[in-house]
Amino acid sequence: MGIVSVCKVPEYRQDLLDAAVERHFEHVRADELIKPGMRVLLKPNLVRGCKPDTAVTTRAELLLAIIRKLRRMGITDIVVADSPGGLYTPAMLASIYSVSGLKALAGEAELNYNVGWKQVFCPEGFENRTFNIIEPILEADAVINVAKLKTHSMTMLSAGVKNLFGSVPGLQKPELHYRHPELEGFSNMLCELAKFVAPAITVLDAIDCMEGNGPTGGTVRHMGLTMAARNAFEQDAYASSLIGLKPENVAMLRIARERGWYHPAELTLMGDAAEPANPPFVLPDSAGVDFTGRLPGFMRGPASGFLKRVFRTLPRLDKAKCIGCGKCAESCPPHIIKIVNRKAQFTAKGCISCFCCQEMCPAHAIEVRRMLKL
């Protein structure tokens, strides 16, 4: 029976977060999974360097509450590690820790600066044969996945499962986008990656969330909740229903259910009662034309092909906002973006609509537009 723990936390006040984490760990029976002597890794969402109040990254206060709880459990070896988008270097990590507020945790836990990675082989039955995973995750005895609740321009939902994409080092993420240009294949890859990393617990920061063109270009939406679960798929399914998304219309969750990795009928909620967002979260501009998740499996391919012939969702550049930093070009899987005269340039030809450029643009100069092909 799957348990999702829910606690109302109206603000990022440390005593409230400490109390919520205590309840979460009791509800999911964390002491069965995490023991003294283990090296425990906290995996936040640090997609890029953004200030804490933008709702882009996991808040340091929540991480501190988890660190304090682990200390009370007798855990002394705790590391905070993620591979953000863009370059994966010690200097870039230091910058992101500073901007996001995580630098304050340096005296409480180890902040990772190891940028090594290794290729690992996937279990039999996976469509992906290997993954490249950052070394801190491979060296940990237990991973606590500490995600942020957001809408997402490609996957519709960014929460526990999507957060584990940060297990892949830096600019190797665009390579996976290029290998899996379609939403179905990319979502299946994310599911298999989540199953491989297999976090002991997933904790979700849903106090201040993001709606609209997430994971970095949306707006802040207050929910006042934290959640925790052993099964990230179950937690994400419940979280999606709270923000107005049907789990069956989120490809990651539909695939996970079809593969037997979570069972909606067996979900048990513990803790506080939570009301769905009213009104529902604003969805990304890329949403609204793909209804294929509601169709039987044999109809999804033809329907998806039809939609692609009729509609196209593409990034669009606002040249007035572009600062020519090159982050979009750096993260573009098909390498179709060029910086010319200190401005980004790209066309629709070759674009795979992964929206990595929008995600990594620090100036919010790239929008997502849905267009009808005439």
Protein backbone atom coordinates (compact mmCIF):
# COMPACT_ATOMS: atom_id res chain seq x y z
CA MET A 1 0.00 0.00 0.00
CA GLY A 2 1.50 3.35 -1.08
CA ILE A 3 1.57 6.19 1.45
CA VAL A 4 1.75 9.87 0.59
CA SER A 5 2.26 12.11 3.60
CA VAL A 6 0.82 15.64 3.39
CA CYS A 7 1.54 18.51 5.79
CA LYS A 8 0.27 22.05 5.63
CA VAL A 9 3.16 24.51 5.94
CA PRO A 10 2.00 28.07 5.20
CA GLU A 11 5.48 29.62 5.05
CA TYR A 12 9.19 28.80 5.03
CA ARG A 13 9.49 29.11 8.80
CA GLN A 14 12.11 26.77 10.18
CA ASP A 15 10.12 25.49 13.16
CA LEU A 16 7.15 24.66 10.93
CA LEU A 17 9.36 22.84 8.44
CA ASP A 18 11.14 20.94 11.22
CA ALA A 19 7.77 19.75 12.56
CA ALA A 20 6.52 18.81 9.08
CA VAL A 21 9.61 16.74 8.27
CA GLU A 22 9.29 14.95 11.62
CA ARG A 23 5.73 13.96 10.71
CA HIS A 24 6.64 12.98 7.16
CA PHE A 25 9.44 10.67 8.28
CA GLU A 26 7.13 9.04 10.80
CA HIS A 27 4.36 8.52 8.20
CA VAL A 28 6.67 6.91 5.60
CA ARG A 29 8.60 4.97 8.29
CA ALA A 30 11.91 6.45 7.23
CA ASP A 31 13.78 4.64 10.00
CA GLU A 32 13.20 1.38 8.10
CA LEU A 33 15.19 2.73 5.16
CA ILE A 34 17.80 5.06 6.65
CA LYS A 35 20.20 3.82 9.34
CA PRO A 36 23.18 5.27 11.22
CA GLY A 37 26.42 4.73 9.35
CA MET A 38 24.86 5.41 5.96
CA ARG A 39 25.99 8.14 3.59
CA VAL A 40 22.76 9.98 2.76
CA LEU A 41 22.45 12.27 -0.25
CA LEU A 42 19.85 15.04 -0.54
CA LYS A 43 19.01 15.70 -4.20
CA PRO A 44 17.41 19.16 -4.56
CA ASN A 45 16.13 20.87 -7.70
CA LEU A 46 18.88 23.32 -8.73
CA VAL A 47 18.03 23.65 -12.41
CA ARG A 48 20.00 26.94 -12.57
CA GLY A 49 21.02 29.81 -10.36
CA CYS A 50 17.82 31.53 -9.22
CA LYS A 51 16.92 33.42 -6.07
CA PRO A 52 14.90 31.46 -3.48
CA ASP A 53 11.72 33.54 -3.84
CA THR A 54 11.35 32.72 -7.56
CA ALA A 55 10.08 29.18 -6.80
CA VAL A 56 12.55 27.69 -9.27
CA THR A 57 14.77 25.81 -6.83
CA THR A 58 14.27 23.74 -3.68
CA ARG A 59 14.44 25.96 -0.62
CA ALA A 60 17.37 25.70 1.77
CA GLU A 61 15.02 25.81 4.76
CA LEU A 62 13.39 22.53 3.75
CA LEU A 63 16.76 20.90 3.17
CA LEU A 64 17.91 22.09 6.60
CA ALA A 65 14.83 20.56 8.23
CA ILE A 66 15.68 17.21 6.61
CA ILE A 67 19.34 17.50 7.63
CA ARG A 68 18.31 18.18 11.24
CA LYS A 69 16.00 15.16 11.24
CA LEU A 70 18.75 12.94 9.83
CA ARG A 71 21.08 14.14 12.59
CA ARG A 72 18.46 13.19 15.18
CA MET A 73 18.36 9.74 13.54
CA GLY A 74 22.11 9.37 14.06
CA ILE A 75 23.15 10.10 10.46
CA THR A 76 26.46 11.97 10.35
CA ASP A 77 27.46 11.62 6.65
CA ILE A 78 25.12 13.91 4.68
CA VAL A 79 25.79 15.45 1.27
CA VAL A 80 23.70 17.83 -0.86
CA ALA A 81 24.23 17.21 -4.57
CA ASP A 82 22.61 17.95 -7.91
CA SER A 83 23.72 18.45 -11.49
CA PRO A 84 22.03 21.63 -12.74
CA GLY A 85 21.55 22.43 -16.40
CA GLY A 86 24.50 23.85 -18.32
CA LEU A 87 28.12 23.36 -17.39
CA TYR A 88 28.78 20.93 -14.54
CA THR A 89 31.86 22.44 -12.89
CA PRO A 90 32.84 23.27 -9.30
CA ALA A 91 32.69 26.99 -10.12
CA MET A 92 29.17 26.70 -11.53
CA LEU A 93 28.02 24.69 -8.50
CA ALA A 94 29.48 27.31 -6.16
CA SER A 95 27.62 30.05 -8.01
CA ILE A 96 24.30 28.21 -7.90
CA TYR A 97 24.69 27.37 -4.19
CA SER A 98 25.26 31.05 -3.52
CA VAL A 99 22.40 32.45 -5.60
CA SER A 100 19.84 29.86 -4.50
CA GLY A 101 20.63 30.25 -0.79
CA LEU A 102 22.07 26.76 -0.32
CA LYS A 103 25.48 28.14 0.60
CA ALA A 104 24.03 28.65 4.09
CA LEU A 105 23.94 24.86 4.49
CA ALA A 106 27.72 24.53 4.28
CA GLY A 107 28.06 24.22 8.05
CA GLU A 108 25.21 21.70 8.30
CA ALA A 109 26.06 19.20 5.55
CA GLU A 110 28.59 18.67 2.79
CA LEU A 111 27.88 20.65 -0.38
CA ASN A 112 29.05 18.59 -3.33
CA TYR A 113 31.81 19.83 -5.67
CA ASN A 114 32.67 16.45 -7.14
CA VAL A 115 31.75 16.68 -10.86
CA GLY A 116 32.72 13.12 -11.77
CA TRP A 117 30.29 10.69 -13.34
CA LYS A 118 30.15 7.04 -14.37
CA GLN A 119 28.28 4.98 -16.92
CA VAL A 120 25.98 2.40 -15.34
CA PHE A 121 24.03 -0.45 -16.91
CA CYS A 122 20.26 -0.55 -16.58
CA PRO A 123 18.24 -3.56 -15.40
CA GLU A 124 16.91 -6.05 -17.90
CA GLY A 125 13.64 -4.89 -19.43
CA PHE A 126 14.61 -1.22 -19.61
CA GLU A 127 14.55 0.42 -23.03
CA ASN A 128 17.57 2.48 -22.00
CA ARG A 129 20.61 0.23 -21.76
CA THR A 130 22.85 2.66 -19.84
CA PHE A 131 22.76 5.94 -17.96
CA ASN A 132 25.56 8.32 -17.07
CA ILE A 133 25.07 9.22 -13.39
CA ILE A 134 26.94 11.72 -11.22
CA GLU A 135 29.29 10.05 -8.76
CA PRO A 136 27.79 11.49 -5.52
CA ILE A 137 24.55 9.62 -6.21
CA LEU A 138 26.34 6.37 -6.97
CA GLU A 139 28.41 6.71 -3.80
CA ALA A 140 25.39 7.29 -1.52
CA ASP A 141 23.78 4.53 0.53
CA ALA A 142 20.43 6.31 0.39
CA VAL A 143 19.06 9.17 -1.72
CA ILE A 144 16.42 11.58 -0.47
CA ASN A 145 14.88 13.29 -3.48
CA VAL A 146 13.87 16.85 -2.49
CA ALA A 147 11.87 18.23 -5.40
CA LYS A 148 9.93 21.39 -6.23
CA LEU A 149 6.35 21.35 -7.52
CA LYS A 150 6.11 23.13 -10.87
CA THR A 151 4.41 22.94 -14.23
CA HIS A 152 6.79 22.15 -17.08
CA SER A 153 6.71 23.23 -20.72
CA MET A 154 7.66 19.81 -22.05
CA THR A 155 6.51 17.23 -19.50
CA MET A 156 3.61 19.31 -18.02
CA LEU A 157 4.70 18.35 -14.49
CA SER A 158 7.98 18.81 -12.68
CA ALA A 159 8.05 17.13 -9.28
CA GLY A 160 9.73 14.02 -7.87
CA VAL A 161 10.27 12.01 -11.05
CA LYS A 162 11.43 14.89 -13.24
CA ASN A 163 13.76 16.11 -10.49
CA LEU A 164 15.85 12.97 -10.88
CA PHE A 165 16.91 14.13 -14.35
CA GLY A 166 19.51 16.05 -12.35
CA SER A 167 21.23 12.71 -11.77
CA VAL A 168 22.61 13.06 -15.31
CA PRO A 169 25.70 15.28 -15.55
CA GLY A 170 25.39 18.80 -16.94
CA LEU A 171 25.41 19.09 -20.69
CA GLN A 172 24.74 15.38 -21.12
CA LYS A 173 21.08 16.15 -20.46
CA PRO A 174 20.61 17.76 -23.90
CA GLU A 175 22.09 14.59 -25.40
CA LEU A 176 19.26 12.58 -23.82
CA HIS A 177 16.75 15.08 -25.17
CA TYR A 178 18.23 14.55 -28.63
CA ARG A 179 18.13 10.75 -28.26
CA HIS A 180 14.48 10.97 -27.11
CA PRO A 181 12.98 13.89 -29.08
CA GLU A 182 9.38 12.71 -28.65
CA LEU A 183 7.53 13.22 -25.38
CA GLU A 184 6.67 9.52 -25.07
CA GLY A 185 10.27 8.33 -25.33
CA PHE A 186 11.61 11.12 -23.14
CA SER A 187 9.02 10.44 -20.46
CA ASN A 188 9.80 6.73 -20.51
CA MET A 189 13.48 7.57 -20.10
CA LEU A 190 12.63 9.72 -17.05
CA CYS A 191 10.62 6.86 -15.56
CA GLU A 192 13.47 4.39 -16.03
CA LEU A 193 15.97 6.87 -14.61
CA ALA A 194 13.78 7.33 -11.52
CA LYS A 195 13.51 3.57 -11.08
CA PHE A 196 17.28 3.20 -11.39
CA VAL A 197 18.16 5.94 -8.88
CA ALA A 198 15.41 4.59 -6.59
CA PRO A 199 15.32 7.30 -3.91
CA ALA A 200 14.46 6.02 -0.46
CA ILE A 201 12.15 8.97 0.13
CA THR A 202 10.90 11.80 -2.06
CA VAL A 203 10.02 15.05 -0.31
CA LEU A 204 8.12 17.69 -2.29
CA ASP A 205 8.37 21.43 -1.67
CA ALA A 206 4.88 22.63 -2.57
CA ILE A 207 4.78 25.70 -0.35
CA ASP A 208 5.57 28.18 -3.10
CA CYS A 209 5.20 26.42 -6.45
CA MET A 210 5.44 27.52 -10.08
CA GLU A 211 2.63 27.66 -12.63
CA GLY A 212 2.70 28.55 -16.31
CA ASN A 213 5.88 28.22 -18.32
CA GLY A 214 7.93 26.28 -15.81
CA PRO A 215 10.36 25.02 -14.78
CA THR A 216 12.01 28.47 -14.75
CA GLY A 217 9.83 30.91 -16.72
CA GLY A 218 6.52 30.69 -14.87
CA THR A 219 5.06 32.60 -11.96
CA VAL A 220 4.92 31.82 -8.23
CA ARG A 221 1.80 30.06 -6.96
CA HIS A 222 1.36 29.52 -3.23
CA MET A 223 0.05 26.11 -2.09
CA GLY A 224 1.35 25.93 1.48
CA LEU A 225 2.08 22.20 1.44
CA THR A 226 4.91 19.72 1.79
CA MET A 227 4.64 16.05 0.89
CA ALA A 228 6.68 12.89 1.30
CA ALA A 229 6.50 9.35 -0.07
CA ARG A 230 8.62 6.31 -0.71
CA ASN A 231 7.26 6.08 -4.26
CA ALA A 232 7.84 9.24 -6.31
CA PHE A 233 5.30 8.16 -8.94
CA GLU A 234 2.54 7.94 -6.35
CA GLN A 235 3.40 11.30 -4.88
CA ASP A 236 3.57 12.96 -8.29
CA ALA A 237 0.20 11.52 -9.26
CA TYR A 238 -1.38 12.96 -6.13
CA ALA A 239 0.39 16.31 -6.57
CA SER A 240 -0.71 16.53 -10.20
CA SER A 241 -4.34 16.08 -9.17
CA LEU A 242 -4.00 18.93 -6.69
CA ILE A 243 -2.86 21.41 -9.32
CA GLY A 244 -5.48 20.47 -11.90
CA LEU A 245 -3.62 17.92 -14.03
CA LYS A 246 -5.06 14.46 -14.57
CA PRO A 247 -2.32 11.88 -13.94
CA GLU A 248 -3.33 9.97 -17.08
CA ASN A 249 -2.57 13.08 -19.12
CA VAL A 250 0.98 13.33 -17.77
CA ALA A 251 3.01 10.95 -19.93
CA MET A 252 5.47 10.03 -17.15
CA LEU A 253 2.68 8.99 -14.82
CA ARG A 254 0.69 7.14 -17.46
CA ILE A 255 3.78 5.16 -18.47
CA ALA A 256 4.65 4.37 -14.85
CA ARG A 257 1.12 3.13 -14.20
CA GLU A 258 1.13 1.00 -17.35
CA ARG A 259 4.46 -0.53 -16.30
CA GLY A 260 3.08 -1.36 -12.86
CA TRP A 261 5.34 1.07 -10.99
CA TYR A 262 2.46 2.61 -9.07
CA HIS A 263 -1.16 1.68 -8.46
CA PRO A 264 -3.60 4.58 -7.94
CA ALA A 265 -6.17 2.40 -6.20
CA GLU A 266 -3.68 1.50 -3.46
CA LEU A 267 -2.76 5.06 -2.53
CA THR A 268 -3.21 6.04 1.13
CA LEU A 269 -2.98 9.67 2.30
CA MET A 270 -1.68 10.51 5.76
CA GLY A 271 -1.40 13.83 7.55
CA ASP A 272 -3.38 16.94 6.64
CA ALA A 273 -6.27 17.18 4.21
CA ALA A 274 -5.34 19.29 1.19
CA GLU A 275 -7.72 21.15 -1.10
CA PRO A 276 -7.05 21.22 -4.85
CA ALA A 277 -5.81 24.53 -6.19
CA ASN A 278 -8.69 26.86 -7.00
CA PRO A 279 -8.45 27.93 -9.74
CA PRO A 280 -6.24 25.14 -11.11
CA PHE A 281 -2.64 25.96 -11.97
CA VAL A 282 -2.07 27.85 -15.19
CA LEU A 283 -0.57 25.36 -17.63
CA PRO A 284 2.38 26.05 -19.95
CA ASP A 285 1.72 27.66 -23.31
CA SER A 286 2.73 24.32 -24.84
CA ALA A 287 -0.30 22.58 -23.29
CA GLY A 288 -3.71 22.14 -24.74
CA VAL A 289 -3.35 20.30 -28.03
CA ASP A 290 -2.22 16.85 -26.94
CA PHE A 291 -5.15 14.73 -25.80
CA THR A 292 -3.46 11.45 -26.76
CA GLY A 293 -2.95 10.36 -23.15
CA ARG A 294 -6.70 9.78 -22.94
CA LEU A 295 -6.74 7.41 -25.90
CA PRO A 296 -6.18 3.63 -26.04
CA GLY A 297 -2.55 2.71 -26.65
CA PHE A 298 -3.03 1.66 -30.29
CA MET A 299 -4.52 5.08 -31.15
CA ARG A 300 -1.87 7.30 -29.52
CA GLY A 301 0.70 7.08 -32.31
CA PRO A 302 -1.66 8.02 -35.18
CA ALA A 303 -3.31 10.76 -33.10
CA SER A 304 0.05 12.20 -32.06
CA GLY A 305 1.19 12.17 -35.69
CA PHE A 306 -1.95 14.03 -36.73
CA LEU A 307 -1.44 16.70 -34.07
CA LYS A 308 2.14 17.24 -35.17
CA ARG A 309 0.98 17.76 -38.74
CA VAL A 310 -1.58 20.35 -37.63
CA PHE A 311 0.07 22.06 -34.64
CA ARG A 312 3.62 22.96 -33.67
CA THR A 313 4.86 24.31 -30.35
CA LEU A 314 8.11 26.22 -30.67
CA PRO A 315 10.33 28.59 -28.69
CA ARG A 316 10.22 32.22 -29.73
CA LEU A 317 12.95 34.76 -29.00
CA ASP A 318 12.34 38.28 -27.71
CA LYS A 319 15.48 39.96 -29.06
CA ALA A 320 14.98 43.00 -26.85
CA LYS A 321 15.42 40.83 -23.75
CA CYS A 322 18.23 38.63 -25.11
CA ILE A 323 21.58 39.36 -23.44
CA GLY A 324 23.63 37.08 -25.68
CA CYS A 325 24.92 34.93 -22.82
CA GLY A 326 24.81 31.74 -24.90
CA LYS A 327 23.06 29.58 -22.29
CA CYS A 328 20.39 28.65 -24.84
CA ALA A 329 22.96 27.59 -27.44
CA GLU A 330 24.91 25.65 -24.82
CA SER A 331 21.86 23.62 -23.82
CA CYS A 332 20.28 23.08 -27.27
CA PRO A 333 20.25 19.33 -28.09
CA PRO A 334 20.26 19.68 -31.93
CA HIS A 335 22.68 22.65 -31.77
CA ILE A 336 20.55 24.91 -33.96
CA ILE A 337 21.01 28.06 -31.86
CA LYS A 338 23.83 30.46 -32.71
CA ILE A 339 24.92 33.69 -31.05
CA VAL A 340 25.35 36.39 -33.70
CA ASN A 341 26.15 39.99 -32.79
CA ARG A 342 25.40 39.18 -29.14
CA LYS A 343 21.90 37.91 -29.91
CA ALA A 344 20.55 34.38 -30.17
CA GLN A 345 19.40 33.20 -33.58
CA PHE A 346 17.41 30.06 -34.40
CA THR A 347 14.70 28.81 -36.73
CA ALA A 348 12.01 26.15 -36.51
CA LYS A 349 13.95 23.78 -38.74
CA GLY A 350 15.61 21.13 -36.60
CA CYS A 351 13.89 22.20 -33.36
CA ILE A 352 12.69 19.22 -31.27
CA SER A 353 10.53 21.35 -28.93
CA CYS A 354 12.32 20.28 -25.76
CA PHE A 355 12.38 23.89 -24.50
CA CYS A 356 15.81 23.53 -22.91
CA CYS A 357 16.58 27.00 -24.29
CA GLN A 358 13.63 28.53 -22.45
CA GLU A 359 14.52 26.63 -19.28
CA MET A 360 18.12 27.87 -19.19
CA CYS A 361 17.58 31.49 -20.34
CA PRO A 362 18.36 33.75 -17.36
CA ALA A 363 16.79 36.80 -19.06
CA HIS A 364 13.41 35.15 -19.81
CA ALA A 365 13.93 36.12 -23.45
CA ILE A 366 12.47 32.88 -24.85
CA GLU A 367 8.76 32.16 -24.86
CA VAL A 368 6.83 29.06 -25.89
CA ARG A 369 4.28 29.56 -28.65
CA ARG A 370 1.78 27.08 -30.06
CA MET A 371 1.11 27.57 -33.75
CA LEU A 372 -1.30 26.13 -36.30
CA LYS A 373 0.39 24.90 -39.46
CA LEU A 374 -1.31 26.36 -42.49
